Amino acid sequence: MDIGLIAVRYARALLKAAIADHCHEEVYHNMSNLLECYLSVPELRPTICNPMYSRPKKQSVVLAACGTPTVELTKRFIALVMREGREDVLQFMASSFINLYRQHFNITSGKITTAVQLSAEVEQRMRRLVEERTQGNVEFTTEVDPAILGGFVLDYDTYRMDASVKSKLNRILIELKNK
C-alpha cells in the first residue's frame, strides 16, 4: 500500500476527531512539534522504527517529541499508530496532518528573510499584507541572513517577493555584462 495514502488517511481521521473534540489547535501544535523533531533530530526515525525497542519505549519517545502538554487525543492516536505497527509512517502522518489542518483553516505558511532582526511592527505589517492577499491567516517564520545585505525576501505558498539589496545588485551586474 502507498505510504502517502496511509499517512493521509490517518491524518484525515485525526483532524476529524480533533475538530469533533474541540482540541484541534492543541493536536496541531503536538504534530508540529513532532514533525520538527523528526526534521531536527536525525536519530528519531531510526529509533522509532527499530524493532529492538519495545512499543511502550517507542511510544514514550514519540510523546516526548510531541511536546507538552500532549492532549489525550494525541496520546490515543500515537497508541493506535504503534498498535497497528505504522510507526514507520508517523513522520508522514504528522506532515499530512499539518497540511490538512492548514487547508481546512485557511492558514498560509510564510517566511521572511531579512539582513537584520525585524521589529514587531514591521513583521505585523508584512503579516497583514499576506493575509489580505490570501484571504486567510498566516504563520510566519523569520530568518536573519546578513548575506542579503538589506531589504527582505518574503516567501509564502508559491509566491516570492525578493526586495533584497543582493538581488538588486545582481540584476544591475547582469545588465552591465549584457551591455
Protein backbone atom coordinates (compact mmCIF):
# COMPACT_ATOMS: atom_id res chain seq x y z
CA MET A 1 0.00 0.00 0.00
CA ASP A 2 1.15 3.54 -0.73
CA ILE A 3 2.80 5.30 2.25
CA GLY A 4 1.30 8.64 1.25
CA LEU A 5 -2.19 7.18 1.13
CA ILE A 6 -1.80 5.59 4.56
CA ALA A 7 -0.43 8.81 6.05
CA VAL A 8 -3.24 10.95 4.63
CA ARG A 9 -5.93 8.53 5.84
CA TYR A 10 -4.59 8.57 9.39
CA ALA A 11 -4.07 12.34 9.28
CA ARG A 12 -7.58 12.95 7.97
CA ALA A 13 -9.08 10.77 10.72
CA LEU A 14 -7.02 12.59 13.36
CA LEU A 15 -8.12 16.00 12.07
CA LYS A 16 -11.77 14.95 12.04
CA ALA A 17 -11.52 13.63 15.61
CA ALA A 18 -9.63 16.72 16.80
CA ILE A 19 -12.27 19.06 15.38
CA ALA A 20 -15.04 16.97 16.94
CA ASP A 21 -13.27 17.02 20.34
CA HIS A 22 -12.54 20.78 20.05
CA CYS A 23 -8.82 20.21 20.60
CA HIS A 24 -7.62 20.75 17.03
CA GLU A 25 -5.23 23.59 17.92
CA GLU A 26 -3.51 21.53 20.61
CA VAL A 27 -3.21 18.50 18.32
CA TYR A 28 -1.83 20.80 15.60
CA HIS A 29 0.87 22.01 17.99
CA ASN A 30 1.65 18.42 19.01
CA MET A 31 2.01 17.32 15.38
CA SER A 32 4.07 20.43 14.55
CA ASN A 33 6.44 19.63 17.42
CA LEU A 34 6.66 16.01 16.33
CA LEU A 35 7.47 16.93 12.73
CA GLU A 36 10.05 19.48 13.89
CA CYS A 37 11.70 16.76 15.99
CA TYR A 38 11.79 14.42 13.01
CA LEU A 39 13.46 17.13 10.94
CA SER A 40 15.93 18.35 13.56
CA VAL A 41 16.82 15.06 15.31
CA PRO A 42 18.00 12.58 12.67
CA GLU A 43 18.21 9.74 15.22
CA LEU A 44 14.47 9.89 15.96
CA ARG A 45 13.23 7.98 12.92
CA PRO A 46 15.67 5.03 13.26
CA THR A 47 14.87 4.85 16.97
CA ILE A 48 11.11 4.76 16.39
CA CYS A 49 11.43 2.18 13.61
CA ASN A 50 13.90 -0.05 15.47
CA PRO A 51 12.24 -3.42 16.23
CA MET A 52 14.61 -3.96 19.17
CA TYR A 53 12.83 -1.31 21.25
CA SER A 54 9.56 -2.14 22.97
CA ARG A 55 6.32 -0.46 21.93
CA PRO A 56 5.96 1.42 25.26
CA LYS A 57 9.50 2.81 24.94
CA LYS A 58 8.85 3.98 21.37
CA GLN A 59 5.55 5.47 22.43
CA SER A 60 7.17 7.44 25.26
CA VAL A 61 9.83 8.78 22.86
CA VAL A 62 7.17 9.88 20.36
CA LEU A 63 5.06 11.53 23.08
CA ALA A 64 8.12 13.39 24.33
CA ALA A 65 8.72 14.59 20.76
CA CYS A 66 5.12 15.84 20.60
CA GLY A 67 5.92 18.35 23.33
CA THR A 68 3.94 19.36 26.36
CA PRO A 69 1.14 19.47 27.02
CA THR A 70 0.27 16.43 24.96
CA VAL A 71 -3.50 16.19 24.65
CA GLU A 72 -5.35 12.95 25.27
CA LEU A 73 -6.35 12.59 21.61
CA THR A 74 -2.70 12.77 20.53
CA LYS A 75 -1.81 10.11 23.10
CA ARG A 76 -4.59 7.83 21.84
CA PHE A 77 -3.55 8.46 18.23
CA ILE A 78 0.10 7.58 18.93
CA ALA A 79 -1.02 4.42 20.79
CA LEU A 80 -3.16 3.42 17.78
CA VAL A 81 -0.30 4.00 15.34
CA MET A 82 2.03 1.89 17.49
CA ARG A 83 -0.56 -0.86 17.97
CA GLU A 84 -1.11 -1.05 14.19
CA GLY A 85 2.66 -1.15 13.52
CA ARG A 86 2.60 2.04 11.45
CA GLU A 87 5.35 3.92 13.31
CA ASP A 88 7.45 3.95 10.13
CA VAL A 89 4.83 6.27 8.56
CA LEU A 90 4.39 8.54 11.59
CA GLN A 91 6.54 11.36 10.20
CA PHE A 92 4.40 11.46 7.06
CA MET A 93 1.22 11.35 9.14
CA ALA A 94 2.35 14.41 11.09
CA SER A 95 3.24 16.25 7.88
CA SER A 96 -0.07 15.29 6.25
CA PHE A 97 -2.00 16.39 9.34
CA ILE A 98 -0.30 19.80 9.28
CA ASN A 99 -1.10 20.24 5.58
CA LEU A 100 -4.73 19.19 6.01
CA TYR A 101 -5.12 21.43 9.07
CA ARG A 102 -3.74 24.43 7.18
CA GLN A 103 -6.04 23.76 4.23
CA HIS A 104 -9.09 23.33 6.45
CA PHE A 105 -8.48 26.52 8.44
CA ASN A 106 -7.08 28.53 5.50
CA ILE A 107 -3.64 29.04 7.03
CA THR A 108 -0.73 30.07 4.84
CA SER A 109 2.83 29.35 5.85
CA GLY A 110 5.22 32.21 5.19
CA LYS A 111 8.84 33.11 5.74
CA ILE A 112 10.54 36.49 5.90
CA THR A 113 14.29 36.70 5.48
CA THR A 114 15.99 39.97 6.40
CA ALA A 115 19.54 41.17 6.92
CA VAL A 116 18.74 42.36 10.46
CA GLN A 117 16.14 41.40 13.07
CA LEU A 118 12.65 42.64 12.19
CA SER A 119 10.71 44.85 14.56
CA ALA A 120 7.33 43.54 15.71
CA GLU A 121 5.61 46.41 13.88
CA VAL A 122 7.21 45.58 10.51
CA GLU A 123 6.52 41.88 10.94
CA GLN A 124 2.86 42.68 11.69
CA ARG A 125 2.62 44.83 8.54
CA MET A 126 4.05 42.01 6.43
CA ARG A 127 1.60 39.57 8.04
CA ARG A 128 -1.34 41.85 7.19
CA LEU A 129 -0.09 42.20 3.60
CA VAL A 130 -0.03 38.42 3.11
CA GLU A 131 -3.36 37.93 4.92
CA GLU A 132 -5.02 40.44 2.60
CA ARG A 133 -3.67 38.65 -0.46
CA THR A 134 -4.51 35.14 0.72
CA GLN A 135 -7.78 35.94 2.48
CA GLY A 136 -6.65 33.78 5.41
CA ASN A 137 -4.35 33.54 8.40
CA VAL A 138 -0.58 33.45 8.13
CA GLU A 139 2.04 31.60 10.15
CA PHE A 140 5.34 33.42 9.79
CA THR A 141 8.84 32.30 10.46
CA THR A 142 11.56 34.91 10.38
CA GLU A 143 15.18 34.39 9.48
CA VAL A 144 18.12 36.73 9.67
CA ASP A 145 20.60 36.33 6.80
CA PRO A 146 23.26 39.07 6.59
CA ALA A 147 24.19 37.81 3.10
CA ILE A 148 21.17 39.56 1.54
CA LEU A 149 22.79 42.88 2.61
CA GLY A 150 19.48 44.69 3.16
CA GLY A 151 15.81 44.65 2.28
CA PHE A 152 13.85 41.41 2.60
CA VAL A 153 12.75 38.21 0.90
CA LEU A 154 9.14 37.17 1.52
CA ASP A 155 8.03 33.62 0.69
CA TYR A 156 4.51 32.21 1.03
CA ASP A 157 2.70 29.50 -0.87
CA THR A 158 4.34 29.54 -4.31
CA TYR A 159 4.94 33.29 -4.25
CA ARG A 160 8.29 35.01 -3.63
CA MET A 161 8.87 38.74 -3.26
CA ASP A 162 12.60 39.44 -3.38
CA ALA A 163 13.33 43.01 -2.38
CA SER A 164 16.85 42.32 -1.15
CA VAL A 165 19.82 44.51 -1.92
CA LYS A 166 21.79 41.45 -3.01
CA SER A 167 19.30 40.56 -5.77
CA LYS A 168 19.14 44.19 -6.96
CA LEU A 169 22.92 44.33 -7.18
CA ASN A 170 22.95 41.03 -9.10
CA ARG A 171 20.39 42.40 -11.59
CA ILE A 172 22.49 45.53 -12.13
CA LEU A 173 25.59 43.38 -12.64
CA ILE A 174 23.79 41.23 -15.25
CA GLU A 175 22.59 44.35 -17.08
CA LEU A 176 26.11 45.77 -17.14
CA LYS A 177 27.52 42.49 -18.50
CA ASN A 178 24.87 42.38 -21.24
CA LYS A 179 25.58 45.91 -22.49
